[in-house]
Amino acid sequence: MNEAINYLLNRNSMKMVTSPAPSDKDLALILQAAMSAPDHGALRPWRFKIIRGEAIKKFADFSIGLRQASTEPFNPDKEAATRLWLAEVPLIIAVACHIDYSNTKISESERMLATGAAVTNILNAAHMLGYGAFWSTGIATYIDEFQTGLGFDALDYRFMGFLAIGTPKMPIPQKERLSYEFFTEEWTGPISEKN
């Protein structure tokens, strides 16, 4: 089987990662892979913030602080587990979709899809280079102050969570994947209400 196809068929998310993070060379390759995402109008709506080193603890304190001040705070065990997890993560990439209001032809939903495709390319590239990666929309992702604090003004961006990338702490578990046949059918012509 083609090696690239094999990587895609066997990709799995890996939340539990540790140092080392991708080298600068590998990170450049991972981010450049995002630039190959399908993108109607070549708007390149994806925006990324690289968070590493001492900024990881600031990210943890900021996101968890907002969560604990919200109407749905973590219980003590969940807060402690989240802090332990983030303390091990060597690289975070925050993700947002830029909304260019001057372009009325291409909808916001298409820009969000393009950004999601860019993130998928990042996840696949990280996997192909031997790293573990996990796309999170947890902690404070849906709290406006979090998005603003990361430098994504809510008027101009849609925050889409963050990626945790590093060296897998254990072999990446393989999941059983259903056949595409359960989700695919062949269309042969217009369907009327009479059918």
Protein backbone atom coordinates (compact mmCIF):
# COMPACT_ATOMS: atom_id res chain seq x y z
CA MET A 1 0.00 0.00 0.00
CA ASN A 2 1.17 3.56 -0.71
CA GLU A 3 2.93 4.89 2.41
CA ALA A 4 1.13 8.25 2.42
CA ILE A 5 -2.28 6.58 2.13
CA ASN A 6 -1.32 4.20 4.92
CA TYR A 7 -0.52 7.17 7.19
CA LEU A 8 -3.94 8.70 6.48
CA LEU A 9 -5.77 5.42 7.09
CA ASN A 10 -4.03 4.94 10.44
CA ARG A 11 -3.99 8.49 11.81
CA ASN A 12 -5.33 8.83 15.35
CA SER A 13 -5.45 11.72 17.76
CA MET A 14 -2.95 11.56 20.62
CA LYS A 15 -3.70 13.78 23.60
CA MET A 16 -0.93 12.57 25.88
CA VAL A 17 2.24 14.14 24.51
CA THR A 18 5.47 15.37 26.04
CA SER A 19 8.81 16.87 25.02
CA PRO A 20 10.48 17.08 22.65
CA ALA A 21 8.25 19.27 20.53
CA PRO A 22 8.73 19.35 16.78
CA SER A 23 12.04 20.96 15.81
CA ASP A 24 11.83 24.33 14.11
CA LYS A 25 12.43 22.55 10.81
CA ASP A 26 9.64 20.04 11.42
CA LEU A 27 7.30 22.76 12.69
CA ALA A 28 7.89 24.75 9.50
CA LEU A 29 6.94 21.67 7.45
CA ILE A 30 3.85 21.07 9.57
CA LEU A 31 2.66 24.66 9.19
CA GLN A 32 3.50 24.76 5.49
CA ALA A 33 1.23 21.73 5.03
CA ALA A 34 -1.65 23.96 6.13
CA MET A 35 -1.04 26.17 3.12
CA SER A 36 -2.05 23.31 0.80
CA ALA A 37 -5.59 23.16 2.18
CA PRO A 38 -8.50 23.66 -0.22
CA ASP A 39 -9.44 27.33 -0.06
CA HIS A 40 -12.14 28.95 -2.18
CA GLY A 41 -10.93 32.31 -3.45
CA ALA A 42 -7.43 31.83 -2.04
CA LEU A 43 -8.46 33.83 1.03
CA ARG A 44 -6.16 31.85 3.34
CA PRO A 45 -8.43 32.53 6.32
CA TRP A 46 -6.51 30.39 8.82
CA ARG A 47 -4.51 32.13 11.52
CA PHE A 48 -2.21 30.41 14.02
CA LYS A 49 -0.55 31.42 17.29
CA ILE A 50 2.48 29.39 18.39
CA ILE A 51 2.63 28.82 22.16
CA ARG A 52 5.65 27.11 23.73
CA GLY A 53 8.20 27.37 26.50
CA GLU A 54 7.15 29.52 29.46
CA ALA A 55 4.06 30.66 27.53
CA ILE A 56 2.51 27.20 28.07
CA LYS A 57 2.05 27.87 31.80
CA LYS A 58 0.61 31.31 31.04
CA PHE A 59 -1.80 29.64 28.60
CA ALA A 60 -2.80 27.11 31.26
CA ASP A 61 -3.30 29.73 33.97
CA PHE A 62 -5.24 32.01 31.64
CA SER A 63 -7.55 29.36 30.16
CA ILE A 64 -8.22 27.51 33.41
CA GLY A 65 -8.71 30.79 35.30
CA LEU A 66 -11.41 31.83 32.84
CA ARG A 67 -13.04 28.40 33.03
CA GLN A 68 -13.11 28.46 36.82
CA ALA A 69 -14.69 31.93 36.79
CA SER A 70 -17.39 30.79 34.35
CA THR A 71 -20.80 29.31 35.09
CA GLU A 72 -19.40 25.82 34.37
CA PRO A 73 -16.13 25.51 36.32
CA PHE A 74 -14.11 22.32 36.41
CA ASN A 75 -14.35 20.22 39.54
CA PRO A 76 -11.05 20.03 41.47
CA ASP A 77 -10.02 16.70 39.91
CA LYS A 78 -10.67 17.93 36.37
CA GLU A 79 -8.79 21.17 37.01
CA ALA A 80 -5.80 19.28 38.42
CA ALA A 81 -5.79 16.80 35.52
CA THR A 82 -5.95 19.63 32.98
CA ARG A 83 -3.03 21.42 34.59
CA LEU A 84 -0.98 18.20 34.64
CA TRP A 85 -1.78 17.59 30.96
CA LEU A 86 -0.82 21.08 29.83
CA ALA A 87 2.38 20.99 31.92
CA GLU A 88 3.57 18.13 29.70
CA VAL A 89 2.51 19.61 26.34
CA PRO A 90 5.57 21.20 24.66
CA LEU A 91 3.77 22.98 21.81
CA ILE A 92 0.33 24.51 21.38
CA ILE A 93 -1.03 26.01 18.18
CA ALA A 94 -4.10 28.19 18.69
CA VAL A 95 -6.37 28.28 15.64
CA ALA A 96 -8.72 30.96 14.33
CA CYS A 97 -10.54 31.78 11.11
CA HIS A 98 -10.20 35.34 9.85
CA ILE A 99 -13.45 36.95 8.71
CA ASP A 100 -12.86 39.47 5.91
CA TYR A 101 -16.07 41.47 5.72
CA SER A 102 -14.99 43.19 2.52
CA ASN A 103 -15.47 39.90 0.66
CA THR A 104 -19.19 39.15 0.35
CA LYS A 105 -18.85 36.41 -2.26
CA ILE A 106 -17.38 33.66 -0.07
CA SER A 107 -19.42 32.77 3.00
CA GLU A 108 -18.12 32.49 6.54
CA SER A 109 -18.96 28.80 6.54
CA GLU A 110 -16.64 28.22 3.57
CA ARG A 111 -13.83 30.05 5.36
CA MET A 112 -14.39 27.92 8.47
CA LEU A 113 -14.26 24.79 6.33
CA ALA A 114 -10.99 25.96 4.75
CA THR A 115 -9.51 26.58 8.19
CA GLY A 116 -10.63 23.13 9.32
CA ALA A 117 -8.98 21.64 6.25
CA ALA A 118 -5.76 23.49 7.09
CA VAL A 119 -5.86 22.06 10.60
CA THR A 120 -6.42 18.58 9.18
CA ASN A 121 -3.28 19.01 7.08
CA ILE A 122 -1.37 20.05 10.21
CA LEU A 123 -2.58 16.98 12.10
CA ASN A 124 -1.69 14.68 9.21
CA ALA A 125 1.74 16.25 8.74
CA ALA A 126 2.50 15.92 12.46
CA HIS A 127 1.48 12.26 12.34
CA MET A 128 3.61 11.60 9.27
CA LEU A 129 6.63 13.11 11.04
CA GLY A 130 6.12 10.84 14.05
CA TYR A 131 4.51 13.31 16.47
CA GLY A 132 1.31 13.04 18.44
CA ALA A 133 -1.31 15.73 17.96
CA PHE A 134 -4.69 16.53 19.47
CA TRP A 135 -7.25 19.18 18.48
CA SER A 136 -8.98 20.53 21.58
CA THR A 137 -12.04 22.75 21.80
CA GLY A 138 -12.13 22.47 25.57
CA ILE A 139 -11.13 24.49 28.64
CA ALA A 140 -12.04 28.09 27.69
CA THR A 141 -12.43 27.82 23.92
CA TYR A 142 -15.97 29.19 23.96
CA ILE A 143 -15.29 32.02 26.41
CA ASP A 144 -14.88 35.30 24.54
CA GLU A 145 -12.16 36.66 26.82
CA PHE A 146 -9.98 33.68 25.97
CA GLN A 147 -10.13 34.38 22.25
CA THR A 148 -9.38 38.07 22.86
CA GLY A 149 -6.51 37.29 25.20
CA LEU A 150 -4.90 35.13 22.53
CA GLY A 151 -4.97 38.06 20.13
CA PHE A 152 -8.01 37.06 18.08
CA ASP A 153 -10.50 39.92 18.23
CA ALA A 154 -14.01 38.44 18.23
CA LEU A 155 -15.19 40.91 15.59
CA ASP A 156 -12.65 39.70 13.06
CA TYR A 157 -11.97 36.08 13.99
CA ARG A 158 -13.75 32.85 14.88
CA PHE A 159 -11.66 30.97 17.42
CA MET A 160 -11.56 27.24 16.66
CA GLY A 161 -9.62 25.76 19.55
CA PHE A 162 -6.02 24.67 19.84
CA LEU A 163 -3.69 21.86 18.90
CA ALA A 164 -1.42 20.09 21.38
CA ILE A 165 1.59 18.61 19.60
CA GLY A 166 4.59 16.69 20.91
CA THR A 167 6.17 13.29 21.30
CA PRO A 168 3.64 10.57 22.16
CA LYS A 169 3.98 9.39 25.76
CA MET A 170 2.90 5.91 24.69
CA PRO A 171 2.17 4.03 21.48
CA ILE A 172 -0.70 5.79 19.71
CA PRO A 173 -3.75 3.56 20.20
CA GLN A 174 -5.44 2.39 17.04
CA LYS A 175 -9.20 2.73 16.75
CA GLU A 176 -11.49 0.49 14.78
CA ARG A 177 -12.67 2.50 11.77
CA LEU A 178 -16.03 1.83 10.19
CA SER A 179 -16.20 1.25 6.47
CA TYR A 180 -16.90 4.31 4.33
CA GLU A 181 -19.75 2.26 2.84
CA PHE A 182 -21.97 3.02 5.86
CA PHE A 183 -21.80 6.73 4.99
CA THR A 184 -21.84 6.65 1.19
CA GLU A 185 -24.43 6.02 -1.45
CA GLU A 186 -24.50 6.45 -5.18
CA TRP A 187 -26.71 9.17 -6.63
CA THR A 188 -28.17 8.48 -10.06
CA GLY A 189 -30.54 11.41 -10.61
CA PRO A 190 -32.91 13.91 -8.98
CA ILE A 191 -35.07 12.55 -6.16
CA SER A 192 -38.70 13.58 -6.17
CA GLU A 193 -41.23 13.45 -3.38
CA LYS A 194 -43.00 10.68 -5.29
CA ASN A 195 -40.01 8.32 -4.97
